[in-house]
């Protein structure tokens, strides 16, 4: 990934602000570097799971109710959410076209299709597995729009899909990249840039930095997506400030944007100004990189899962990104005809 960064097609933002953000990004040292590892192997036939599996945990938005996901084999192309409590609704395909909102106070991706009741909230921690594992087609049955919230990121989901086995589906796996570099500015002086894959290179490489004025501070990781990096990052919890946690506990039952009342000290990393409220994970040389790993695997990789036609390859450079910018980036890649099939052989 050591190439001169070319912002290329600036989809949103202006050159001066992006150059300032780039200088800040490049000033952060790389705290963990797995960029020289082997990428995921090239796939030929699309894969689904060999048998159904079930995962359950307390709900994200109704902490006293157990929420269950039934993961089932599927012949239809892509990943689908099916609300079993809404029998007259159609399954929701994982696609940038079906993103309803990304929230404001507490950010998360919400998918919806048809009726405003037919939605699935906080899907990023689920759909990241679509782009990070060898499962191209999957049906996910939900009993409500409230997904389970696990104590270790999406580790339980990863284990369930690994234990489910695999079988081939008809067709051929398609790989996509960008025809040229493309960049979107993100709030608070950040950016996300996607770079084309090199011919014959089947890898997705990520260089991700976080920069907070609290205990999280500056973190930067660089890696190639493979089983090792995906499993490692999928265990990283989302993070929230102590102020956000207090806001959720006080107003969570009143306002949809902060109804994450299932958050607790086990399933969320809570950062105060000068220290963590609970114990962080993903520690390297005494420094926790949990926030960076969560952002890279369960946010950025999830955004690439919104490319519904196949798997994404190339490089992603991300500094201070968020869900809103991720979704806008994917939508603008489509709108500007920047996605092309990649040669990975």
C-alpha atoms as a PDB file:
ATOM      1  CA  UNK A   1       0.000   0.000   0.000  1.00  0.00           C
ATOM      2  CA  UNK A   2       3.082   2.214  -0.018  1.00  0.00           C
ATOM      3  CA  UNK A   3       2.098   4.270  -3.033  1.00  0.00           C
ATOM      4  CA  UNK A   4       1.804   8.041  -3.272  1.00  0.00           C
ATOM      5  CA  UNK A   5      -1.739   8.864  -2.312  1.00  0.00           C
ATOM      6  CA  UNK A   6      -3.708  10.263  -5.223  1.00  0.00           C
ATOM      7  CA  UNK A   7      -7.106  11.618  -4.162  1.00  0.00           C
ATOM      8  CA  UNK A   8      -8.229  11.127  -7.755  1.00  0.00           C
ATOM      9  CA  UNK A   9     -11.891  11.905  -8.320  1.00  0.00           C
ATOM     10  CA  UNK A  10     -13.010  13.995  -5.339  1.00  0.00           C
ATOM     11  CA  UNK A  11     -16.606  12.914  -4.819  1.00  0.00           C
ATOM     12  CA  UNK A  12     -17.237  15.282  -1.931  1.00  0.00           C
ATOM     13  CA  UNK A  13     -14.893  17.794  -0.283  1.00  0.00           C
ATOM     14  CA  UNK A  14     -12.289  20.256  -1.463  1.00  0.00           C
ATOM     15  CA  UNK A  15      -8.593  19.833  -2.207  1.00  0.00           C
ATOM     16  CA  UNK A  16      -7.223  22.152   0.469  1.00  0.00           C
ATOM     17  CA  UNK A  17      -9.086  20.517   3.341  1.00  0.00           C
ATOM     18  CA  UNK A  18      -8.182  17.057   2.057  1.00  0.00           C
ATOM     19  CA  UNK A  19      -4.480  17.935   1.867  1.00  0.00           C
ATOM     20  CA  UNK A  20      -4.613  19.148   5.470  1.00  0.00           C
ATOM     21  CA  UNK A  21      -6.329  15.924   6.524  1.00  0.00           C
ATOM     22  CA  UNK A  22      -3.724  13.881   4.624  1.00  0.00           C
ATOM     23  CA  UNK A  23      -0.898  15.620   6.468  1.00  0.00           C
ATOM     24  CA  UNK A  24      -2.540  14.792   9.803  1.00  0.00           C
ATOM     25  CA  UNK A  25      -3.067  11.170   8.729  1.00  0.00           C
ATOM     26  CA  UNK A  26       0.527  10.731   7.602  1.00  0.00           C
ATOM     27  CA  UNK A  27       1.821  12.137  10.899  1.00  0.00           C
ATOM     28  CA  UNK A  28       0.328   9.196  12.797  1.00  0.00           C
ATOM     29  CA  UNK A  29       2.740   6.271  13.162  1.00  0.00           C
ATOM     30  CA  UNK A  30       1.633   2.797  12.110  1.00  0.00           C
ATOM     31  CA  UNK A  31       1.043   0.875  15.326  1.00  0.00           C
ATOM     32  CA  UNK A  32       0.367  -2.525  13.715  1.00  0.00           C
ATOM     33  CA  UNK A  33       1.273  -3.612  10.196  1.00  0.00           C
ATOM     34  CA  UNK A  34      -0.013  -6.840   8.647  1.00  0.00           C
ATOM     35  CA  UNK A  35       0.108  -5.571   5.067  1.00  0.00           C
ATOM     36  CA  UNK A  36       2.623  -8.158   3.841  1.00  0.00           C
ATOM     37  CA  UNK A  37       0.438 -11.167   4.642  1.00  0.00           C
ATOM     38  CA  UNK A  38      -1.278 -13.273   1.961  1.00  0.00           C
ATOM     39  CA  UNK A  39      -4.756 -12.152   0.860  1.00  0.00           C
ATOM     40  CA  UNK A  40      -7.865 -14.292   0.769  1.00  0.00           C
ATOM     41  CA  UNK A  41      -7.690 -16.899  -2.005  1.00  0.00           C
ATOM     42  CA  UNK A  42      -9.496 -16.178  -5.264  1.00  0.00           C
ATOM     43  CA  UNK A  43     -12.944 -17.768  -5.346  1.00  0.00           C
ATOM     44  CA  UNK A  44     -14.551 -19.249  -8.439  1.00  0.00           C
ATOM     45  CA  UNK A  45     -18.081 -20.360  -7.579  1.00  0.00           C
ATOM     46  CA  UNK A  46     -20.299 -18.372  -5.181  1.00  0.00           C
ATOM     47  CA  UNK A  47     -20.621 -20.006  -1.777  1.00  0.00           C
ATOM     48  CA  UNK A  48     -23.432 -20.359   0.723  1.00  0.00           C
ATOM     49  CA  UNK A  49     -23.469 -22.189   4.039  1.00  0.00           C
ATOM     50  CA  UNK A  50     -24.024 -25.945   4.123  1.00  0.00           C
ATOM     51  CA  UNK A  51     -26.490 -25.948   7.015  1.00  0.00           C
ATOM     52  CA  UNK A  52     -28.581 -23.443   8.994  1.00  0.00           C
ATOM     53  CA  UNK A  53     -27.112 -21.985  12.184  1.00  0.00           C
ATOM     54  CA  UNK A  54     -28.571 -19.790  14.903  1.00  0.00           C
ATOM     55  CA  UNK A  55     -27.011 -17.072  17.057  1.00  0.00           C
ATOM     56  CA  UNK A  56     -28.650 -15.206  19.930  1.00  0.00           C
ATOM     57  CA  UNK A  57     -27.785 -12.436  22.369  1.00  0.00           C
ATOM     58  CA  UNK A  58     -29.562  -9.594  24.173  1.00  0.00           C
ATOM     59  CA  UNK A  59     -30.992  -7.034  21.787  1.00  0.00           C
ATOM     60  CA  UNK A  60     -29.291  -3.766  20.947  1.00  0.00           C
ATOM     61  CA  UNK A  61     -32.417  -1.657  21.338  1.00  0.00           C
ATOM     62  CA  UNK A  62     -34.384  -3.834  23.786  1.00  0.00           C
ATOM     63  CA  UNK A  63     -31.808  -5.063  26.279  1.00  0.00           C
ATOM     64  CA  UNK A  64     -34.203  -7.308  28.210  1.00  0.00           C
ATOM     65  CA  UNK A  65     -35.220  -9.291  25.128  1.00  0.00           C
ATOM     66  CA  UNK A  66     -33.087 -11.977  23.529  1.00  0.00           C
ATOM     67  CA  UNK A  67     -32.639 -11.340  19.819  1.00  0.00           C
ATOM     68  CA  UNK A  68     -32.003 -14.258  17.440  1.00  0.00           C
ATOM     69  CA  UNK A  69     -30.581 -14.488  13.940  1.00  0.00           C
ATOM     70  CA  UNK A  70     -31.295 -17.621  11.904  1.00  0.00           C
ATOM     71  CA  UNK A  71     -28.636 -17.914   9.181  1.00  0.00           C
ATOM     72  CA  UNK A  72     -29.799 -20.104   6.310  1.00  0.00           C
ATOM     73  CA  UNK A  73     -28.393 -21.346   2.969  1.00  0.00           C
ATOM     74  CA  UNK A  74     -29.577 -19.302   0.008  1.00  0.00           C
ATOM     75  CA  UNK A  75     -29.417 -19.785  -3.764  1.00  0.00           C
ATOM     76  CA  UNK A  76     -30.289 -16.169  -4.575  1.00  0.00           C
ATOM     77  CA  UNK A  77     -27.295 -13.930  -5.208  1.00  0.00           C
ATOM     78  CA  UNK A  78     -26.300 -11.752  -2.249  1.00  0.00           C
ATOM     79  CA  UNK A  79     -27.271 -11.433   1.398  1.00  0.00           C
ATOM     80  CA  UNK A  80     -30.871 -10.940   2.499  1.00  0.00           C
ATOM     81  CA  UNK A  81     -32.625  -9.976   5.746  1.00  0.00           C
ATOM     82  CA  UNK A  82     -36.090 -11.474   6.234  1.00  0.00           C
ATOM     83  CA  UNK A  83     -38.311 -10.159   9.028  1.00  0.00           C
ATOM     84  CA  UNK A  84     -40.254 -13.252  10.136  1.00  0.00           C
ATOM     85  CA  UNK A  85     -42.499 -11.020  12.272  1.00  0.00           C
ATOM     86  CA  UNK A  86     -43.635  -9.241   9.077  1.00  0.00           C
ATOM     87  CA  UNK A  87     -44.890 -12.135   6.895  1.00  0.00           C
ATOM     88  CA  UNK A  88     -46.193  -9.836   4.142  1.00  0.00           C
ATOM     89  CA  UNK A  89     -42.860  -8.039   3.667  1.00  0.00           C
ATOM     90  CA  UNK A  90     -40.208  -8.963   1.121  1.00  0.00           C
ATOM     91  CA  UNK A  91     -36.630  -9.798   2.165  1.00  0.00           C
ATOM     92  CA  UNK A  92     -34.262  -6.815   2.271  1.00  0.00           C
ATOM     93  CA  UNK A  93     -31.208  -7.186   0.050  1.00  0.00           C
ATOM     94  CA  UNK A  94     -27.870  -5.944   1.388  1.00  0.00           C
ATOM     95  CA  UNK A  95     -27.250  -3.081  -1.023  1.00  0.00           C
ATOM     96  CA  UNK A  96     -26.447   0.622  -0.938  1.00  0.00           C
ATOM     97  CA  UNK A  97     -29.840   1.112  -2.604  1.00  0.00           C
ATOM     98  CA  UNK A  98     -31.593  -0.096   0.556  1.00  0.00           C
ATOM     99  CA  UNK A  99     -29.791   2.056   3.140  1.00  0.00           C
ATOM    100  CA  UNK A 100     -32.457   4.018   5.018  1.00  0.00           C
ATOM    101  CA  UNK A 101     -30.325   5.991   7.474  1.00  0.00           C
ATOM    102  CA  UNK A 102     -26.985   5.956   9.264  1.00  0.00           C
ATOM    103  CA  UNK A 103     -28.123   7.711  12.448  1.00  0.00           C
ATOM    104  CA  UNK A 104     -26.790  10.883  14.021  1.00  0.00           C
ATOM    105  CA  UNK A 105     -26.018  10.757  17.742  1.00  0.00           C
ATOM    106  CA  UNK A 106     -25.272   7.009  17.680  1.00  0.00           C
ATOM    107  CA  UNK A 107     -24.276   6.063  14.156  1.00  0.00           C
ATOM    108  CA  UNK A 108     -25.265   2.752  12.569  1.00  0.00           C
ATOM    109  CA  UNK A 109     -26.455   1.505   9.196  1.00  0.00           C
ATOM    110  CA  UNK A 110     -30.165   0.771   8.846  1.00  0.00           C
ATOM    111  CA  UNK A 111     -31.461  -1.141   5.814  1.00  0.00           C
ATOM    112  CA  UNK A 112     -35.082  -0.930   4.680  1.00  0.00           C
ATOM    113  CA  UNK A 113     -37.178  -2.157   1.767  1.00  0.00           C
ATOM    114  CA  UNK A 114     -40.772  -1.244   1.019  1.00  0.00           C
ATOM    115  CA  UNK A 115     -42.734  -0.441   4.167  1.00  0.00           C
ATOM    116  CA  UNK A 116     -41.083   1.766   6.796  1.00  0.00           C
ATOM    117  CA  UNK A 117     -41.694  -1.099   9.250  1.00  0.00           C
ATOM    118  CA  UNK A 118     -39.567  -3.498   7.186  1.00  0.00           C
ATOM    119  CA  UNK A 119     -36.105  -2.534   8.400  1.00  0.00           C
ATOM    120  CA  UNK A 120     -33.001  -4.030   9.994  1.00  0.00           C
ATOM    121  CA  UNK A 121     -30.930  -1.825  12.294  1.00  0.00           C
ATOM    122  CA  UNK A 122     -27.230  -1.859  13.165  1.00  0.00           C
ATOM    123  CA  UNK A 123     -26.494  -4.214  10.268  1.00  0.00           C
ATOM    124  CA  UNK A 124     -22.856  -3.217   9.716  1.00  0.00           C
ATOM    125  CA  UNK A 125     -21.539  -5.714  12.261  1.00  0.00           C
ATOM    126  CA  UNK A 126     -23.431  -8.452  10.428  1.00  0.00           C
ATOM    127  CA  UNK A 127     -22.856  -7.565   6.780  1.00  0.00           C
ATOM    128  CA  UNK A 128     -19.116  -7.102   7.287  1.00  0.00           C
ATOM    129  CA  UNK A 129     -19.021 -10.910   7.136  1.00  0.00           C
ATOM    130  CA  UNK A 130     -20.356 -10.750   3.570  1.00  0.00           C
ATOM    131  CA  UNK A 131     -17.233  -8.903   2.432  1.00  0.00           C
ATOM    132  CA  UNK A 132     -14.805 -10.545   4.833  1.00  0.00           C
ATOM    133  CA  UNK A 133     -15.687 -14.246   4.611  1.00  0.00           C
ATOM    134  CA  UNK A 134     -16.346 -16.798   1.865  1.00  0.00           C
ATOM    135  CA  UNK A 135     -20.154 -16.589   2.008  1.00  0.00           C
ATOM    136  CA  UNK A 136     -21.629 -14.866  -1.039  1.00  0.00           C
ATOM    137  CA  UNK A 137     -25.278 -15.886  -0.632  1.00  0.00           C
ATOM    138  CA  UNK A 138     -27.116 -15.949   2.699  1.00  0.00           C
ATOM    139  CA  UNK A 139     -30.608 -15.541   4.136  1.00  0.00           C
ATOM    140  CA  UNK A 140     -30.818 -14.013   7.613  1.00  0.00           C
ATOM    141  CA  UNK A 141     -34.158 -14.419   9.350  1.00  0.00           C
ATOM    142  CA  UNK A 142     -34.892 -11.944  12.156  1.00  0.00           C
ATOM    143  CA  UNK A 143     -37.715 -11.871  14.652  1.00  0.00           C
ATOM    144  CA  UNK A 144     -37.613  -8.065  14.762  1.00  0.00           C
ATOM    145  CA  UNK A 145     -35.563  -5.175  13.422  1.00  0.00           C
ATOM    146  CA  UNK A 146     -33.421  -5.295  16.565  1.00  0.00           C
ATOM    147  CA  UNK A 147     -30.218  -7.324  16.080  1.00  0.00           C
ATOM    148  CA  UNK A 148     -28.331  -9.063  18.894  1.00  0.00           C
ATOM    149  CA  UNK A 149     -25.382  -7.272  20.466  1.00  0.00           C
ATOM    150  CA  UNK A 150     -22.485  -9.574  21.334  1.00  0.00           C
ATOM    151  CA  UNK A 151     -19.819  -9.083  23.986  1.00  0.00           C
ATOM    152  CA  UNK A 152     -16.931  -9.419  21.512  1.00  0.00           C
ATOM    153  CA  UNK A 153     -17.837  -7.572  18.327  1.00  0.00           C
ATOM    154  CA  UNK A 154     -19.099 -10.095  15.773  1.00  0.00           C
ATOM    155  CA  UNK A 155     -17.015 -13.043  16.963  1.00  0.00           C
ATOM    156  CA  UNK A 156     -20.095 -15.201  17.646  1.00  0.00           C
ATOM    157  CA  UNK A 157     -21.345 -14.651  14.089  1.00  0.00           C
ATOM    158  CA  UNK A 158     -17.943 -15.469  12.595  1.00  0.00           C
ATOM    159  CA  UNK A 159     -17.761 -18.718  14.566  1.00  0.00           C
ATOM    160  CA  UNK A 160     -21.297 -19.659  13.523  1.00  0.00           C
ATOM    161  CA  UNK A 161     -20.557 -19.169   9.820  1.00  0.00           C
ATOM    162  CA  UNK A 162     -17.295 -21.081  10.078  1.00  0.00           C
ATOM    163  CA  UNK A 163     -19.087 -23.984  11.780  1.00  0.00           C
ATOM    164  CA  UNK A 164     -21.865 -24.024   9.179  1.00  0.00           C
ATOM    165  CA  UNK A 165     -19.642 -25.407   6.402  1.00  0.00           C
ATOM    166  CA  UNK A 166     -19.931 -24.401   2.753  1.00  0.00           C
ATOM    167  CA  UNK A 167     -21.511 -25.498  -0.488  1.00  0.00           C
ATOM    168  CA  UNK A 168     -21.238 -24.049  -3.967  1.00  0.00           C
ATOM    169  CA  UNK A 169     -23.971 -22.149  -5.761  1.00  0.00           C
ATOM    170  CA  UNK A 170     -24.442 -21.756  -9.523  1.00  0.00           C
ATOM    171  CA  UNK A 171     -22.626 -18.919 -11.231  1.00  0.00           C
ATOM    172  CA  UNK A 172     -19.232 -17.256 -10.913  1.00  0.00           C
ATOM    173  CA  UNK A 173     -17.860 -14.913  -8.264  1.00  0.00           C
ATOM    174  CA  UNK A 174     -17.371 -11.393  -9.591  1.00  0.00           C
ATOM    175  CA  UNK A 175     -14.699  -9.046  -8.286  1.00  0.00           C
ATOM    176  CA  UNK A 176     -14.966  -5.261  -8.445  1.00  0.00           C
ATOM    177  CA  UNK A 177     -12.593  -2.372  -7.983  1.00  0.00           C
ATOM    178  CA  UNK A 178     -12.584   1.328  -8.905  1.00  0.00           C
ATOM    179  CA  UNK A 179     -11.525   2.482 -12.363  1.00  0.00           C
ATOM    180  CA  UNK A 180      -9.542   5.345 -10.806  1.00  0.00           C
ATOM    181  CA  UNK A 181      -8.795   6.702  -7.309  1.00  0.00           C
ATOM    182  CA  UNK A 182     -11.800   8.270  -5.613  1.00  0.00           C
ATOM    183  CA  UNK A 183     -12.097  10.232  -2.366  1.00  0.00           C
ATOM    184  CA  UNK A 184     -14.800  11.514  -0.071  1.00  0.00           C
ATOM    185  CA  UNK A 185     -14.241  14.004   2.734  1.00  0.00           C
ATOM    186  CA  UNK A 186     -15.568  12.893   6.104  1.00  0.00           C
ATOM    187  CA  UNK A 187     -16.818  15.043   9.005  1.00  0.00           C
ATOM    188  CA  UNK A 188     -14.305  16.510  11.451  1.00  0.00           C
ATOM    189  CA  UNK A 189     -11.479  16.820   8.927  1.00  0.00           C
ATOM    190  CA  UNK A 190     -11.101  13.280   7.658  1.00  0.00           C
ATOM    191  CA  UNK A 191     -11.258  11.413   4.352  1.00  0.00           C
ATOM    192  CA  UNK A 192     -11.699   7.998   2.794  1.00  0.00           C
ATOM    193  CA  UNK A 193      -9.912   7.144  -0.450  1.00  0.00           C
ATOM    194  CA  UNK A 194     -10.324   4.004  -2.536  1.00  0.00           C
ATOM    195  CA  UNK A 195      -7.590   3.006  -4.975  1.00  0.00           C
ATOM    196  CA  UNK A 196      -7.818   0.541  -7.891  1.00  0.00           C
ATOM    197  CA  UNK A 197      -6.519  -2.984  -7.495  1.00  0.00           C
ATOM    198  CA  UNK A 198      -3.381  -3.783  -9.374  1.00  0.00           C
ATOM    199  CA  UNK A 199      -3.962  -6.204 -12.321  1.00  0.00           C
ATOM    200  CA  UNK A 200      -4.022  -9.774 -11.065  1.00  0.00           C
ATOM    201  CA  UNK A 201      -4.076  -8.698  -7.399  1.00  0.00           C
ATOM    202  CA  UNK A 202      -7.072 -10.207  -5.537  1.00  0.00           C
ATOM    203  CA  UNK A 203      -6.418  -8.355  -2.288  1.00  0.00           C
ATOM    204  CA  UNK A 204      -8.247  -5.767  -0.243  1.00  0.00           C
ATOM    205  CA  UNK A 205      -5.739  -3.693   1.729  1.00  0.00           C
ATOM    206  CA  UNK A 206      -6.695  -1.161   4.375  1.00  0.00           C
ATOM    207  CA  UNK A 207      -4.757   1.640   6.037  1.00  0.00           C
ATOM    208  CA  UNK A 208      -6.972   3.008   8.805  1.00  0.00           C
ATOM    209  CA  UNK A 209      -6.370   5.716  11.408  1.00  0.00           C
ATOM    210  CA  UNK A 210      -8.494   7.003  14.270  1.00  0.00           C
ATOM    211  CA  UNK A 211      -7.875  10.344  15.951  1.00  0.00           C
ATOM    212  CA  UNK A 212      -9.904  11.219  19.045  1.00  0.00           C
ATOM    213  CA  UNK A 213      -9.496  13.842  21.768  1.00  0.00           C
ATOM    214  CA  UNK A 214     -10.089  11.228  24.463  1.00  0.00           C
ATOM    215  CA  UNK A 215      -8.530   8.013  25.728  1.00  0.00           C
ATOM    216  CA  UNK A 216      -8.635   6.440  22.258  1.00  0.00           C
ATOM    217  CA  UNK A 217      -6.232   9.053  20.935  1.00  0.00           C
ATOM    218  CA  UNK A 218      -4.403   8.303  17.697  1.00  0.00           C
ATOM    219  CA  UNK A 219      -4.349   4.745  16.334  1.00  0.00           C
ATOM    220  CA  UNK A 220      -3.249   3.509  12.929  1.00  0.00           C
ATOM    221  CA  UNK A 221      -3.272  -0.019  11.536  1.00  0.00           C
ATOM    222  CA  UNK A 222      -2.422  -1.403   8.097  1.00  0.00           C
ATOM    223  CA  UNK A 223      -3.295  -4.871   6.850  1.00  0.00           C
ATOM    224  CA  UNK A 224      -4.429  -7.100   4.023  1.00  0.00           C
ATOM    225  CA  UNK A 225      -7.863  -8.672   4.471  1.00  0.00           C
ATOM    226  CA  UNK A 226      -7.540 -12.404   5.160  1.00  0.00           C
ATOM    227  CA  UNK A 227      -8.816 -14.866   7.748  1.00  0.00           C
ATOM    228  CA  UNK A 228      -6.304 -13.734  10.356  1.00  0.00           C
ATOM    229  CA  UNK A 229      -7.003 -10.013  10.099  1.00  0.00           C
ATOM    230  CA  UNK A 230     -10.753 -10.457   9.735  1.00  0.00           C
ATOM    231  CA  UNK A 231     -11.053 -12.751  12.761  1.00  0.00           C
ATOM    232  CA  UNK A 232      -8.860 -10.411  14.789  1.00  0.00           C
ATOM    233  CA  UNK A 233     -10.797  -7.284  13.897  1.00  0.00           C
ATOM    234  CA  UNK A 234     -14.236  -8.894  14.161  1.00  0.00           C
ATOM    235  CA  UNK A 235     -13.723  -9.233  17.935  1.00  0.00           C
ATOM    236  CA  UNK A 236     -13.317  -5.469  18.397  1.00  0.00           C
ATOM    237  CA  UNK A 237     -16.247  -3.725  20.056  1.00  0.00           C
ATOM    238  CA  UNK A 238     -17.764  -0.482  18.905  1.00  0.00           C
ATOM    239  CA  UNK A 239     -16.740   2.503  20.985  1.00  0.00           C
ATOM    240  CA  UNK A 240     -18.705   5.256  22.661  1.00  0.00           C
ATOM    241  CA  UNK A 241     -17.824   8.201  24.838  1.00  0.00           C
ATOM    242  CA  UNK A 242     -18.944   8.337  28.452  1.00  0.00           C
ATOM    243  CA  UNK A 243     -21.128  11.301  27.484  1.00  0.00           C
ATOM    244  CA  UNK A 244     -22.863   9.247  24.768  1.00  0.00           C
ATOM    245  CA  UNK A 245     -23.495   6.441  27.254  1.00  0.00           C
ATOM    246  CA  UNK A 246     -25.105   8.849  29.710  1.00  0.00           C
ATOM    247  CA  UNK A 247     -27.217  10.353  26.914  1.00  0.00           C
ATOM    248  CA  UNK A 248     -28.408   6.879  25.881  1.00  0.00           C
ATOM    249  CA  UNK A 249     -29.329   5.899  29.436  1.00  0.00           C
ATOM    250  CA  UNK A 250     -31.257   9.133  30.026  1.00  0.00           C
ATOM    251  CA  UNK A 251     -32.975   9.582  26.652  1.00  0.00           C
ATOM    252  CA  UNK A 252     -32.617   6.145  25.013  1.00  0.00           C
ATOM    253  CA  UNK A 253     -36.241   5.132  25.458  1.00  0.00           C
ATOM    254  CA  UNK A 254     -37.512   8.405  24.011  1.00  0.00           C
ATOM    255  CA  UNK A 255     -35.552   8.973  20.803  1.00  0.00           C
ATOM    256  CA  UNK A 256     -34.819   6.460  18.018  1.00  0.00           C
ATOM    257  CA  UNK A 257     -31.345   7.863  17.303  1.00  0.00           C
ATOM    258  CA  UNK A 258     -30.137   6.963  20.804  1.00  0.00           C
ATOM    259  CA  UNK A 259     -32.184   3.854  21.506  1.00  0.00           C
ATOM    260  CA  UNK A 260     -29.058   1.713  21.920  1.00  0.00           C
ATOM    261  CA  UNK A 261     -30.081   0.837  25.482  1.00  0.00           C
ATOM    262  CA  UNK A 262     -28.488  -2.603  25.212  1.00  0.00           C
ATOM    263  CA  UNK A 263     -25.027  -1.005  25.419  1.00  0.00           C
ATOM    264  CA  UNK A 264     -23.103  -1.969  28.559  1.00  0.00           C
ATOM    265  CA  UNK A 265     -19.525  -2.221  29.836  1.00  0.00           C
ATOM    266  CA  UNK A 266     -19.064  -5.679  28.309  1.00  0.00           C
ATOM    267  CA  UNK A 267     -20.221  -5.132  24.729  1.00  0.00           C
ATOM    268  CA  UNK A 268     -19.046  -1.531  24.194  1.00  0.00           C
ATOM    269  CA  UNK A 269     -15.647   0.110  24.656  1.00  0.00           C
ATOM    270  CA  UNK A 270     -16.277   3.274  26.681  1.00  0.00           C
ATOM    271  CA  UNK A 271     -13.754   6.081  26.466  1.00  0.00           C
ATOM    272  CA  UNK A 272     -13.587   8.992  28.873  1.00  0.00           C
ATOM    273  CA  UNK A 273     -11.279  11.927  28.261  1.00  0.00           C
ATOM    274  CA  UNK A 274      -8.096  10.520  29.812  1.00  0.00           C
ATOM    275  CA  UNK A 275      -8.865   6.841  30.373  1.00  0.00           C
ATOM    276  CA  UNK A 276     -11.052   3.958  29.359  1.00  0.00           C
ATOM    277  CA  UNK A 277     -14.017   3.289  31.637  1.00  0.00           C
ATOM    278  CA  UNK A 278     -13.712  -0.446  30.964  1.00  0.00           C
ATOM    279  CA  UNK A 279     -10.879  -2.718  29.825  1.00  0.00           C
ATOM    280  CA  UNK A 280      -9.826  -2.265  26.177  1.00  0.00           C
ATOM    281  CA  UNK A 281      -8.651  -5.136  23.976  1.00  0.00           C
ATOM    282  CA  UNK A 282      -6.352  -5.513  20.938  1.00  0.00           C
ATOM    283  CA  UNK A 283      -3.393  -4.197  22.912  1.00  0.00           C
ATOM    284  CA  UNK A 284      -0.022  -3.861  21.132  1.00  0.00           C
ATOM    285  CA  UNK A 285       3.003  -2.638  23.106  1.00  0.00           C
ATOM    286  CA  UNK A 286       0.742  -1.318  25.842  1.00  0.00           C
ATOM    287  CA  UNK A 287      -1.578   0.561  23.454  1.00  0.00           C
ATOM    288  CA  UNK A 288      -5.119  -0.563  22.662  1.00  0.00           C
ATOM    289  CA  UNK A 289      -5.928  -0.590  18.946  1.00  0.00           C
ATOM    290  CA  UNK A 290      -9.479  -1.841  19.452  1.00  0.00           C
ATOM    291  CA  UNK A 291     -11.107   1.298  18.023  1.00  0.00           C
ATOM    292  CA  UNK A 292      -9.016   1.138  14.844  1.00  0.00           C
ATOM    293  CA  UNK A 293      -9.682  -2.567  14.323  1.00  0.00           C
ATOM    294  CA  UNK A 294     -13.395  -2.102  14.839  1.00  0.00           C
ATOM    295  CA  UNK A 295     -13.495   0.762  12.364  1.00  0.00           C
ATOM    296  CA  UNK A 296     -11.501  -1.105   9.738  1.00  0.00           C
ATOM    297  CA  UNK A 297     -13.221  -4.489   9.884  1.00  0.00           C
ATOM    298  CA  UNK A 298     -16.753  -3.906  11.148  1.00  0.00           C
ATOM    299  CA  UNK A 299     -17.303  -0.477   9.535  1.00  0.00           C
ATOM    300  CA  UNK A 300     -15.167  -0.154   6.395  1.00  0.00           C
ATOM    301  CA  UNK A 301     -15.397  -3.769   5.275  1.00  0.00           C
ATOM    302  CA  UNK A 302     -19.140  -3.597   5.986  1.00  0.00           C
ATOM    303  CA  UNK A 303     -19.411  -0.627   3.621  1.00  0.00           C
ATOM    304  CA  UNK A 304     -17.827  -2.709   0.848  1.00  0.00           C
ATOM    305  CA  UNK A 305     -20.522  -5.323   1.475  1.00  0.00           C
ATOM    306  CA  UNK A 306     -23.030  -2.775   0.142  1.00  0.00           C
ATOM    307  CA  UNK A 307     -21.564  -3.436  -3.325  1.00  0.00           C
ATOM    308  CA  UNK A 308     -24.133  -6.087  -4.047  1.00  0.00           C
ATOM    309  CA  UNK A 309     -22.791  -7.629  -7.257  1.00  0.00           C
ATOM    310  CA  UNK A 310     -19.629  -9.196  -5.865  1.00  0.00           C
ATOM    311  CA  UNK A 311     -16.443  -8.805  -3.831  1.00  0.00           C
ATOM    312  CA  UNK A 312     -14.390  -5.611  -3.691  1.00  0.00           C
ATOM    313  CA  UNK A 313     -10.603  -5.519  -4.153  1.00  0.00           C
ATOM    314  CA  UNK A 314      -8.184  -2.586  -4.070  1.00  0.00           C
ATOM    315  CA  UNK A 315      -6.841  -0.283  -1.361  1.00  0.00           C
ATOM    316  CA  UNK A 316      -8.756   1.810   1.166  1.00  0.00           C
ATOM    317  CA  UNK A 317      -7.129   4.683   3.028  1.00  0.00           C
ATOM    318  CA  UNK A 318      -9.305   5.918   5.884  1.00  0.00           C
ATOM    319  CA  UNK A 319      -8.793   8.749   8.358  1.00  0.00           C
ATOM    320  CA  UNK A 320     -11.536   9.728  10.828  1.00  0.00           C
ATOM    321  CA  UNK A 321     -14.245   8.080   8.712  1.00  0.00           C
ATOM    322  CA  UNK A 322     -17.827   7.275   9.727  1.00  0.00           C
ATOM    323  CA  UNK A 323     -20.885   5.360   8.544  1.00  0.00           C
ATOM    324  CA  UNK A 324     -22.536   8.283   6.771  1.00  0.00           C
ATOM    325  CA  UNK A 325     -19.469   8.948   4.619  1.00  0.00           C
ATOM    326  CA  UNK A 326     -19.011   5.198   3.990  1.00  0.00           C
ATOM    327  CA  UNK A 327     -22.505   4.851   2.569  1.00  0.00           C
ATOM    328  CA  UNK A 328     -22.232   8.070   0.563  1.00  0.00           C
ATOM    329  CA  UNK A 329     -18.935   6.849  -0.875  1.00  0.00           C
ATOM    330  CA  UNK A 330     -20.444   3.605  -2.154  1.00  0.00           C
ATOM    331  CA  UNK A 331     -23.479   5.420  -3.565  1.00  0.00           C
ATOM    332  CA  UNK A 332     -21.260   7.943  -5.341  1.00  0.00           C
ATOM    333  CA  UNK A 333     -19.078   5.175  -6.786  1.00  0.00           C
ATOM    334  CA  UNK A 334     -22.215   3.838  -8.450  1.00  0.00           C
ATOM    335  CA  UNK A 335     -23.510   7.281  -9.450  1.00  0.00           C
ATOM    336  CA  UNK A 336     -20.217   8.197 -11.125  1.00  0.00           C
ATOM    337  CA  UNK A 337     -19.803   4.809 -12.802  1.00  0.00           C
ATOM    338  CA  UNK A 338     -16.512   4.216 -11.001  1.00  0.00           C
ATOM    339  CA  UNK A 339     -16.990   0.532 -10.162  1.00  0.00           C
ATOM    340  CA  UNK A 340     -15.562  -1.912 -12.722  1.00  0.00           C
ATOM    341  CA  UNK A 341     -14.924  -5.629 -12.750  1.00  0.00           C
ATOM    342  CA  UNK A 342     -11.391  -6.484 -11.658  1.00  0.00           C
ATOM    343  CA  UNK A 343      -9.020  -9.026 -13.185  1.00  0.00           C
ATOM    344  CA  UNK A 344      -7.812 -11.178 -10.279  1.00  0.00           C
ATOM    345  CA  UNK A 345      -6.345 -14.158 -12.165  1.00  0.00           C
END
